[in-house]
PDB file of all heavy atoms in Angstrom:
ATOM      1  N   VAL A   1      30.942 120.053 237.338  1.00  0.00           N
ATOM      2  CA  VAL A   1      31.962 121.041 237.732  1.00  0.00           C
ATOM      3  C   VAL A   1      31.590 122.461 237.270  1.00  0.00           C
ATOM      4  O   VAL A   1      31.847 123.495 237.892  1.00  0.00           O
ATOM      5  CB  VAL A   1      33.369 120.585 237.070  1.00  0.00           C
ATOM      6  CG1 VAL A   1      34.390 121.679 237.404  1.00  0.00           C
ATOM      7  CG2 VAL A   1      33.744 119.326 237.666  1.00  0.00           C
ATOM      8  N   GLY A   2      30.853 122.489 236.119  1.00  0.00           N
ATOM      9  CA  GLY A   2      30.464 123.792 235.603  1.00  0.00           C
ATOM     10  C   GLY A   2      29.324 124.440 236.436  1.00  0.00           C
ATOM     11  O   GLY A   2      29.175 125.694 236.243  1.00  0.00           O
ATOM     12  N   TYR A   3      28.733 123.795 237.345  1.00  0.00           N
ATOM     13  CA  TYR A   3      27.738 124.307 238.220  1.00  0.00           C
ATOM     14  C   TYR A   3      28.370 124.912 239.515  1.00  0.00           C
ATOM     15  O   TYR A   3      27.781 125.728 240.170  1.00  0.00           O
ATOM     16  CB  TYR A   3      26.741 123.344 238.659  1.00  0.00           C
ATOM     17  CG  TYR A   3      25.789 122.894 237.513  1.00  0.00           C
ATOM     18  CD1 TYR A   3      25.820 121.561 237.061  1.00  0.00           C
ATOM     19  CD2 TYR A   3      24.898 123.723 236.902  1.00  0.00           C
ATOM     20  CE1 TYR A   3      24.954 121.123 236.074  1.00  0.00           C
ATOM     21  CE2 TYR A   3      24.074 123.308 235.921  1.00  0.00           C
ATOM     22  CZ  TYR A   3      24.088 122.006 235.457  1.00  0.00           C
ATOM     23  OH  TYR A   3      23.286 121.639 234.447  1.00  0.00           O
ATOM     24  N   LEU A   4      29.620 124.586 239.849  1.00  0.00           N
ATOM     25  CA  LEU A   4      30.264 124.926 241.043  1.00  0.00           C
ATOM     26  C   LEU A   4      30.276 126.498 241.220  1.00  0.00           C
ATOM     27  O   LEU A   4      30.067 127.107 242.190  1.00  0.00           O
ATOM     28  CB  LEU A   4      31.573 124.330 241.268  1.00  0.00           C
ATOM     29  CG  LEU A   4      31.534 122.780 241.448  1.00  0.00           C
ATOM     30  CD1 LEU A   4      33.029 122.275 241.628  1.00  0.00           C
ATOM     31  CD2 LEU A   4      30.697 122.321 242.625  1.00  0.00           C
ATOM     32  N   PRO A   5      30.758 127.225 240.122  1.00  0.00           N
ATOM     33  CA  PRO A   5      30.808 128.677 240.228  1.00  0.00           C
ATOM     34  C   PRO A   5      29.457 129.304 240.635  1.00  0.00           C
ATOM     35  O   PRO A   5      29.422 130.417 241.223  1.00  0.00           O
ATOM     36  CB  PRO A   5      31.238 129.075 238.863  1.00  0.00           C
ATOM     37  CG  PRO A   5      31.980 127.984 238.288  1.00  0.00           C
ATOM     38  CD  PRO A   5      31.221 126.759 238.773  1.00  0.00           C
ATOM     39  N   HIS A   6      28.342 128.659 240.219  1.00  0.00           N
ATOM     40  CA  HIS A   6      26.994 129.165 240.578  1.00  0.00           C
ATOM     41  C   HIS A   6      26.681 129.153 242.058  1.00  0.00           C
ATOM     42  O   HIS A   6      25.742 129.727 242.499  1.00  0.00           O
ATOM     43  CB  HIS A   6      25.976 128.415 239.690  1.00  0.00           C
ATOM     44  CG  HIS A   6      26.055 128.676 238.265  1.00  0.00           C
ATOM     45  ND1 HIS A   6      25.708 129.836 237.647  1.00  0.00           N
ATOM     46  CD2 HIS A   6      26.545 127.843 237.324  1.00  0.00           C
ATOM     47  CE1 HIS A   6      25.943 129.736 236.360  1.00  0.00           C
ATOM     48  NE2 HIS A   6      26.429 128.602 236.119  1.00  0.00           N
ATOM     49  N   CYS A   7      27.513 128.307 242.769  1.00  0.00           N
ATOM     50  CA  CYS A   7      27.348 128.102 244.233  1.00  0.00           C
ATOM     51  C   CYS A   7      28.252 129.062 245.024  1.00  0.00           C
ATOM     52  O   CYS A   7      28.278 128.992 246.235  1.00  0.00           O
ATOM     53  CB  CYS A   7      27.567 126.685 244.598  1.00  0.00           C
ATOM     54  SG  CYS A   7      26.577 125.457 243.724  1.00  0.00           S
ATOM     55  N   THR A   8      29.033 129.933 244.352  1.00  0.00           N
ATOM     56  CA  THR A   8      30.010 130.713 245.044  1.00  0.00           C
ATOM     57  C   THR A   8      29.280 131.716 246.044  1.00  0.00           C
ATOM     58  O   THR A   8      28.381 132.343 245.765  1.00  0.00           O
ATOM     59  CB  THR A   8      30.796 131.526 244.007  1.00  0.00           C
ATOM     60  OG1 THR A   8      31.495 130.653 243.104  1.00  0.00           O
ATOM     61  CG2 THR A   8      31.814 132.433 244.694  1.00  0.00           C
ATOM     62  N   PHE A   9      29.948 131.732 247.202  1.00  0.00           N
ATOM     63  CA  PHE A   9      29.483 132.674 248.270  1.00  0.00           C
ATOM     64  C   PHE A   9      30.396 133.932 248.258  1.00  0.00           C
ATOM     65  O   PHE A   9      31.635 133.876 248.138  1.00  0.00           O
ATOM     66  CB  PHE A   9      29.593 131.947 249.641  1.00  0.00           C
ATOM     67  CG  PHE A   9      29.304 132.897 250.839  1.00  0.00           C
ATOM     68  CD1 PHE A   9      27.973 133.149 251.155  1.00  0.00           C
ATOM     69  CD2 PHE A   9      30.315 133.513 251.523  1.00  0.00           C
ATOM     70  CE1 PHE A   9      27.695 133.983 252.229  1.00  0.00           C
ATOM     71  CE2 PHE A   9      30.018 134.312 252.632  1.00  0.00           C
ATOM     72  CZ  PHE A   9      28.719 134.584 252.952  1.00  0.00           C
ATOM     73  N   ASN A  10      29.694 135.083 248.281  1.00  0.00           N
ATOM     74  CA  ASN A  10      30.321 136.356 248.405  1.00  0.00           C
ATOM     75  C   ASN A  10      31.350 136.707 247.284  1.00  0.00           C
ATOM     76  O   ASN A  10      32.428 137.309 247.557  1.00  0.00           O
ATOM     77  CB  ASN A  10      31.054 136.480 249.762  1.00  0.00           C
ATOM     78  CG  ASN A  10      31.253 137.887 250.196  1.00  0.00           C
ATOM     79  OD1 ASN A  10      30.593 138.795 249.817  1.00  0.00           O
ATOM     80  ND2 ASN A  10      32.352 138.118 251.101  1.00  0.00           N
ATOM     81  N   LEU A  11      31.075 136.211 246.074  1.00  0.00           N
ATOM     82  CA  LEU A  11      31.870 136.535 244.860  1.00  0.00           C
ATOM     83  C   LEU A  11      33.362 136.085 245.007  1.00  0.00           C
ATOM     84  O   LEU A  11      34.179 136.694 244.378  1.00  0.00           O
ATOM     85  CB  LEU A  11      31.755 137.998 244.647  1.00  0.00           C
ATOM     86  CG  LEU A  11      30.338 138.629 244.338  1.00  0.00           C
ATOM     87  CD1 LEU A  11      30.425 140.119 244.087  1.00  0.00           C
ATOM     88  CD2 LEU A  11      29.664 137.905 243.234  1.00  0.00           C
ATOM     89  N   ASN A  12      33.616 135.121 245.774  1.00  0.00           N
ATOM     90  CA  ASN A  12      35.010 134.651 245.986  1.00  0.00           C
ATOM     91  C   ASN A  12      35.566 134.222 244.604  1.00  0.00           C
ATOM     92  O   ASN A  12      35.027 133.307 243.944  1.00  0.00           O
ATOM     93  CB  ASN A  12      34.996 133.426 246.909  1.00  0.00           C
ATOM     94  CG  ASN A  12      36.418 133.032 247.314  1.00  0.00           C
ATOM     95  OD1 ASN A  12      37.382 133.405 246.669  1.00  0.00           O
ATOM     96  ND2 ASN A  12      36.496 132.195 248.304  1.00  0.00           N
ATOM     97  N   PRO A  13      36.629 134.773 244.174  1.00  0.00           N
ATOM     98  CA  PRO A  13      37.219 134.386 242.853  1.00  0.00           C
ATOM     99  C   PRO A  13      38.011 133.074 242.795  1.00  0.00           C
ATOM    100  O   PRO A  13      38.335 132.623 241.761  1.00  0.00           O
ATOM    101  CB  PRO A  13      38.160 135.551 242.533  1.00  0.00           C
ATOM    102  CG  PRO A  13      38.598 136.024 243.919  1.00  0.00           C
ATOM    103  CD  PRO A  13      37.400 135.917 244.777  1.00  0.00           C
ATOM    104  N   ARG A  14      38.328 132.526 243.999  1.00  0.00           N
ATOM    105  CA  ARG A  14      39.039 131.232 244.051  1.00  0.00           C
ATOM    106  C   ARG A  14      38.244 130.108 243.373  1.00  0.00           C
ATOM    107  O   ARG A  14      37.164 129.778 243.885  1.00  0.00           O
ATOM    108  CB  ARG A  14      39.431 130.956 245.476  1.00  0.00           C
ATOM    109  CG  ARG A  14      40.168 129.541 245.632  1.00  0.00           C
ATOM    110  CD  ARG A  14      41.462 129.530 244.844  1.00  0.00           C
ATOM    111  NE  ARG A  14      42.414 130.521 245.481  1.00  0.00           N
ATOM    112  CZ  ARG A  14      43.698 130.590 245.035  1.00  0.00           C
ATOM    113  NH1 ARG A  14      44.113 129.849 243.998  1.00  0.00           N
ATOM    114  NH2 ARG A  14      44.499 131.536 245.570  1.00  0.00           N
ATOM    115  N   ALA A  15      38.722 129.495 242.356  1.00  0.00           N
ATOM    116  CA  ALA A  15      38.034 128.385 241.685  1.00  0.00           C
ATOM    117  C   ALA A  15      37.922 127.218 242.634  1.00  0.00           C
ATOM    118  O   ALA A  15      38.824 126.858 243.310  1.00  0.00           O
ATOM    119  CB  ALA A  15      38.709 128.004 240.446  1.00  0.00           C
ATOM    120  N   ALA A  16      36.765 126.541 242.669  1.00  0.00           N
ATOM    121  CA  ALA A  16      36.479 125.366 243.431  1.00  0.00           C
ATOM    122  C   ALA A  16      37.131 124.131 242.753  1.00  0.00           C
ATOM    123  O   ALA A  16      37.150 124.036 241.571  1.00  0.00           O
ATOM    124  CB  ALA A  16      35.012 125.186 243.672  1.00  0.00           C
ATOM    125  N   SER A  17      37.701 123.184 243.612  1.00  0.00           N
ATOM    126  CA  SER A  17      38.341 121.998 243.070  1.00  0.00           C
ATOM    127  C   SER A  17      37.283 120.935 242.813  1.00  0.00           C
ATOM    128  O   SER A  17      36.134 120.934 243.234  1.00  0.00           O
ATOM    129  CB  SER A  17      39.362 121.479 243.961  1.00  0.00           C
ATOM    130  OG  SER A  17      38.761 120.757 245.089  1.00  0.00           O
ATOM    131  N   ILE A  18      37.768 119.863 242.101  1.00  0.00           N
ATOM    132  CA  ILE A  18      36.854 118.716 241.769  1.00  0.00           C
ATOM    133  C   ILE A  18      36.422 118.010 243.067  1.00  0.00           C
ATOM    134  O   ILE A  18      35.387 117.251 243.030  1.00  0.00           O
ATOM    135  CB  ILE A  18      37.684 117.810 240.804  1.00  0.00           C
ATOM    136  CG1 ILE A  18      36.731 116.689 240.260  1.00  0.00           C
ATOM    137  CG2 ILE A  18      38.835 117.146 241.496  1.00  0.00           C
ATOM    138  CD1 ILE A  18      35.768 117.277 239.301  1.00  0.00           C
ATOM    139  N   ASP A  19      37.214 118.135 244.141  1.00  0.00           N
ATOM    140  CA  ASP A  19      36.881 117.470 245.385  1.00  0.00           C
ATOM    141  C   ASP A  19      35.842 118.198 246.195  1.00  0.00           C
ATOM    142  O   ASP A  19      35.468 117.643 247.254  1.00  0.00           O
ATOM    143  CB  ASP A  19      38.148 117.302 246.186  1.00  0.00           C
ATOM    144  CG  ASP A  19      39.055 116.220 245.626  1.00  0.00           C
ATOM    145  OD1 ASP A  19      38.553 115.262 244.998  1.00  0.00           O
ATOM    146  OD2 ASP A  19      40.243 116.345 245.793  1.00  0.00           O
ATOM    147  N   THR A  20      35.365 119.343 245.799  1.00  0.00           N
ATOM    148  CA  THR A  20      34.416 120.156 246.571  1.00  0.00           C
ATOM    149  C   THR A  20      33.204 119.303 247.017  1.00  0.00           C
ATOM    150  O   THR A  20      32.796 119.391 248.169  1.00  0.00           O
ATOM    151  CB  THR A  20      34.009 121.369 245.813  1.00  0.00           C
ATOM    152  OG1 THR A  20      35.095 122.298 245.637  1.00  0.00           O
ATOM    153  CG2 THR A  20      32.965 122.217 246.567  1.00  0.00           C
ATOM    154  N   PRO A  21      32.462 118.569 246.084  1.00  0.00           N
ATOM    155  CA  PRO A  21      31.229 117.837 246.519  1.00  0.00           C
ATOM    156  C   PRO A  21      31.614 116.728 247.578  1.00  0.00           C
ATOM    157  O   PRO A  21      30.810 116.470 248.405  1.00  0.00           O
ATOM    158  CB  PRO A  21      30.783 117.239 245.245  1.00  0.00           C
ATOM    159  CG  PRO A  21      31.290 118.069 244.125  1.00  0.00           C
ATOM    160  CD  PRO A  21      32.671 118.479 244.622  1.00  0.00           C
ATOM    161  N   LEU A  22      32.792 116.169 247.564  1.00  0.00           N
ATOM    162  CA  LEU A  22      33.110 115.151 248.571  1.00  0.00           C
ATOM    163  C   LEU A  22      33.126 115.724 249.907  1.00  0.00           C
ATOM    164  O   LEU A  22      32.674 115.020 250.904  1.00  0.00           O
ATOM    165  CB  LEU A  22      34.567 114.535 248.250  1.00  0.00           C
ATOM    166  CG  LEU A  22      34.544 113.519 247.073  1.00  0.00           C
ATOM    167  CD1 LEU A  22      34.610 114.272 245.792  1.00  0.00           C
ATOM    168  CD2 LEU A  22      35.861 112.660 247.202  1.00  0.00           C
ATOM    169  N   HIS A  23      33.553 116.962 250.076  1.00  0.00           N
ATOM    170  CA  HIS A  23      33.417 117.608 251.390  1.00  0.00           C
ATOM    171  C   HIS A  23      32.110 118.083 251.711  1.00  0.00           C
ATOM    172  O   HIS A  23      31.637 117.950 252.877  1.00  0.00           O
ATOM    173  CB  HIS A  23      34.445 118.836 251.394  1.00  0.00           C
ATOM    174  CG  HIS A  23      35.876 118.476 251.370  1.00  0.00           C
ATOM    175  ND1 HIS A  23      36.700 118.504 252.521  1.00  0.00           N
ATOM    176  CD2 HIS A  23      36.703 118.096 250.369  1.00  0.00           C
ATOM    177  CE1 HIS A  23      37.946 118.221 252.131  1.00  0.00           C
ATOM    178  NE2 HIS A  23      37.971 117.917 250.873  1.00  0.00           N
ATOM    179  N   ALA A  24      31.380 118.603 250.760  1.00  0.00           N
ATOM    180  CA  ALA A  24      30.049 119.145 250.953  1.00  0.00           C
ATOM    181  C   ALA A  24      29.031 118.092 251.494  1.00  0.00           C
ATOM    182  O   ALA A  24      28.188 118.329 252.343  1.00  0.00           O
ATOM    183  CB  ALA A  24      29.509 119.775 249.760  1.00  0.00           C
ATOM    184  N   PHE A  25      29.130 116.867 250.956  1.00  0.00           N
ATOM    185  CA  PHE A  25      28.092 115.845 251.166  1.00  0.00           C
ATOM    186  C   PHE A  25      28.306 115.025 252.324  1.00  0.00           C
ATOM    187  O   PHE A  25      27.382 114.296 252.813  1.00  0.00           O
ATOM    188  CB  PHE A  25      28.053 114.945 249.967  1.00  0.00           C
ATOM    189  CG  PHE A  25      27.491 115.683 248.616  1.00  0.00           C
ATOM    190  CD1 PHE A  25      27.632 114.998 247.410  1.00  0.00           C
ATOM    191  CD2 PHE A  25      27.019 116.952 248.691  1.00  0.00           C
ATOM    192  CE1 PHE A  25      27.329 115.649 246.228  1.00  0.00           C
ATOM    193  CE2 PHE A  25      26.682 117.611 247.522  1.00  0.00           C
ATOM    194  CZ  PHE A  25      26.775 116.896 246.285  1.00  0.00           C
ATOM    195  N   LEU A  26      29.499 115.152 253.009  1.00  0.00           N
ATOM    196  CA  LEU A  26      29.660 114.544 254.269  1.00  0.00           C
ATOM    197  C   LEU A  26      29.054 115.416 255.400  1.00  0.00           C
ATOM    198  O   LEU A  26      29.174 116.667 255.342  1.00  0.00           O
ATOM    199  CB  LEU A  26      31.167 114.366 254.634  1.00  0.00           C
ATOM    200  CG  LEU A  26      31.859 113.227 253.906  1.00  0.00           C
ATOM    201  CD1 LEU A  26      33.328 113.266 254.021  1.00  0.00           C
ATOM    202  CD2 LEU A  26      31.314 111.799 254.292  1.00  0.00           C
ATOM    203  N   PRO A  27      28.405 114.827 256.387  1.00  0.00           N
ATOM    204  CA  PRO A  27      27.679 115.630 257.315  1.00  0.00           C
ATOM    205  C   PRO A  27      28.472 116.345 258.420  1.00  0.00           C
ATOM    206  O   PRO A  27      28.004 117.078 259.167  1.00  0.00           O
ATOM    207  CB  PRO A  27      26.696 114.636 257.911  1.00  0.00           C
ATOM    208  CG  PRO A  27      27.445 113.323 257.920  1.00  0.00           C
ATOM    209  CD  PRO A  27      28.222 113.424 256.563  1.00  0.00           C
ATOM    210  N   TYR A  28      29.818 116.093 258.413  1.00  0.00           N
ATOM    211  CA  TYR A  28      30.646 116.588 259.503  1.00  0.00           C
ATOM    212  C   TYR A  28      31.058 118.053 259.203  1.00  0.00           C
ATOM    213  O   TYR A  28      31.245 118.440 257.991  1.00  0.00           O
ATOM    214  CB  TYR A  28      31.926 115.677 259.581  1.00  0.00           C
ATOM    215  CG  TYR A  28      31.472 114.220 259.823  1.00  0.00           C
ATOM    216  CD1 TYR A  28      31.523 113.354 258.692  1.00  0.00           C
ATOM    217  CD2 TYR A  28      31.001 113.854 261.047  1.00  0.00           C
ATOM    218  CE1 TYR A  28      31.187 111.998 258.906  1.00  0.00           C
ATOM    219  CE2 TYR A  28      30.610 112.473 261.183  1.00  0.00           C
ATOM    220  CZ  TYR A  28      30.681 111.638 260.176  1.00  0.00           C
ATOM    221  OH  TYR A  28      30.265 110.278 260.303  1.00  0.00           O
ATOM    222  N   LYS A  29      31.269 118.757 260.285  1.00  0.00           N
ATOM    223  CA  LYS A  29      31.577 120.172 260.111  1.00  0.00           C
ATOM    224  C   LYS A  29      33.010 120.370 259.603  1.00  0.00           C
ATOM    225  O   LYS A  29      33.231 121.283 258.905  1.00  0.00           O
ATOM    226  CB  LYS A  29      31.481 120.858 261.511  1.00  0.00           C
ATOM    227  CG  LYS A  29      31.556 122.367 261.383  1.00  0.00           C
ATOM    228  CD  LYS A  29      31.108 123.085 262.652  1.00  0.00           C
ATOM    229  CE  LYS A  29      31.222 124.653 262.521  1.00  0.00           C
ATOM    230  NZ  LYS A  29      30.740 125.302 263.715  1.00  0.00           N
ATOM    231  N   HIS A  30      33.938 119.443 259.885  1.00  0.00           N
ATOM    232  CA  HIS A  30      35.345 119.577 259.503  1.00  0.00           C
ATOM    233  C   HIS A  30      35.759 118.250 258.894  1.00  0.00           C
ATOM    234  O   HIS A  30      35.509 117.177 259.459  1.00  0.00           O
ATOM    235  CB  HIS A  30      36.257 119.894 260.670  1.00  0.00           C
ATOM    236  CG  HIS A  30      35.981 121.266 261.326  1.00  0.00           C
ATOM    237  ND1 HIS A  30      36.694 122.318 260.958  1.00  0.00           N
ATOM    238  CD2 HIS A  30      35.053 121.625 262.272  1.00  0.00           C
ATOM    239  CE1 HIS A  30      36.249 123.380 261.711  1.00  0.00           C
ATOM    240  NE2 HIS A  30      35.308 122.976 262.453  1.00  0.00           N
ATOM    241  N   VAL A  31      36.330 118.423 257.648  1.00  0.00           N
ATOM    242  CA  VAL A  31      36.674 117.234 256.894  1.00  0.00           C
ATOM    243  C   VAL A  31      38.132 117.464 256.353  1.00  0.00           C
ATOM    244  O   VAL A  31      38.433 118.504 255.810  1.00  0.00           O
ATOM    245  CB  VAL A  31      35.742 116.982 255.712  1.00  0.00           C
ATOM    246  CG1 VAL A  31      36.204 115.835 254.804  1.00  0.00           C
ATOM    247  CG2 VAL A  31      34.298 116.746 256.206  1.00  0.00           C
ATOM    248  N   ASP A  32      38.970 116.354 256.380  1.00  0.00           N
ATOM    249  CA  ASP A  32      40.261 116.314 255.825  1.00  0.00           C
ATOM    250  C   ASP A  32      40.368 115.180 254.749  1.00  0.00           C
ATOM    251  O   ASP A  32      39.917 114.118 255.008  1.00  0.00           O
ATOM    252  CB  ASP A  32      41.348 116.098 256.850  1.00  0.00           C
ATOM    253  CG  ASP A  32      41.519 117.170 257.849  1.00  0.00           C
ATOM    254  OD1 ASP A  32      41.253 118.343 257.480  1.00  0.00           O
ATOM    255  OD2 ASP A  32      41.977 116.923 258.996  1.00  0.00           O
ATOM    256  N   HIS A  33      40.962 115.554 253.703  1.00  0.00           N
ATOM    257  CA  HIS A  33      41.312 114.502 252.646  1.00  0.00           C
ATOM    258  C   HIS A  33      42.810 114.614 252.361  1.00  0.00           C
ATOM    259  O   HIS A  33      43.287 115.565 251.843  1.00  0.00           O
ATOM    260  CB  HIS A  33      40.427 114.825 251.247  1.00  0.00           C
ATOM    261  CG  HIS A  33      40.970 114.059 250.161  1.00  0.00           C
ATOM    262  ND1 HIS A  33      41.303 112.644 250.257  1.00  0.00           N
ATOM    263  CD2 HIS A  33      41.196 114.331 248.862  1.00  0.00           C
ATOM    264  CE1 HIS A  33      41.685 112.134 249.118  1.00  0.00           C
ATOM    265  NE2 HIS A  33      41.582 113.127 248.265  1.00  0.00           N
ATOM    266  N   MET A  34      43.522 113.621 252.808  1.00  0.00           N
ATOM    267  CA  MET A  34      44.982 113.582 252.772  1.00  0.00           C
ATOM    268  C   MET A  34      45.472 112.398 251.902  1.00  0.00           C
ATOM    269  O   MET A  34      44.792 111.503 251.527  1.00  0.00           O
ATOM    270  CB  MET A  34      45.567 113.421 254.172  1.00  0.00           C
ATOM    271  CG  MET A  34      45.181 114.608 255.137  1.00  0.00           C
ATOM    272  SD  MET A  34      45.982 116.140 254.628  1.00  0.00           S
ATOM    273  CE  MET A  34      44.504 117.120 254.266  1.00  0.00           C
ATOM    274  N   HIS A  35      46.764 112.562 251.535  1.00  0.00           N
ATOM    275  CA  HIS A  35      47.457 111.558 250.694  1.00  0.00           C
ATOM    276  C   HIS A  35      48.675 111.005 251.468  1.00  0.00           C
ATOM    277  O   HIS A  35      49.774 111.145 250.970  1.00  0.00           O
ATOM    278  CB  HIS A  35      47.840 112.114 249.330  1.00  0.00           C
ATOM    279  CG  HIS A  35      46.785 112.567 248.512  1.00  0.00           C
ATOM    280  ND1 HIS A  35      46.909 113.599 247.604  1.00  0.00           N
ATOM    281  CD2 HIS A  35      45.499 112.177 248.438  1.00  0.00           C
ATOM    282  CE1 HIS A  35      45.790 113.789 246.929  1.00  0.00           C
ATOM    283  NE2 HIS A  35      44.834 113.024 247.490  1.00  0.00           N
ATOM    284  N   PRO A  36      48.410 110.389 252.656  1.00  0.00           N
ATOM    285  CA  PRO A  36      49.642 109.941 253.428  1.00  0.00           C
ATOM    286  C   PRO A  36      50.197 108.664 252.798  1.00  0.00           C
ATOM    287  O   PRO A  36      49.434 107.784 252.376  1.00  0.00           O
ATOM    288  CB  PRO A  36      49.014 109.737 254.782  1.00  0.00           C
ATOM    289  CG  PRO A  36      47.562 109.465 254.573  1.00  0.00           C
ATOM    290  CD  PRO A  36      47.191 110.235 253.349  1.00  0.00           C
ATOM    291  N   ASP A  37      51.529 108.524 252.712  1.00  0.00           N
ATOM    292  CA  ASP A  37      52.173 107.423 252.156  1.00  0.00           C
ATOM    293  C   ASP A  37      51.715 106.115 252.840  1.00  0.00           C
ATOM    294  O   ASP A  37      51.497 105.100 252.171  1.00  0.00           O
ATOM    295  CB  ASP A  37      53.713 107.517 252.259  1.00  0.00           C
ATOM    296  CG  ASP A  37      54.237 108.648 251.390  1.00  0.00           C
ATOM    297  OD1 ASP A  37      53.522 109.166 250.484  1.00  0.00           O
ATOM    298  OD2 ASP A  37      55.398 108.965 251.602  1.00  0.00           O
TER     299      ASP A  37
END
């Protein structure tokens, strides 16, 4: 998690979440992670 800020694009101040790698490592252009009952 400490490495995620080093990957920031364009100095975006929004902190990355713990789920960021889950989205990054899937090969699809668009990804949803939901909690449906």
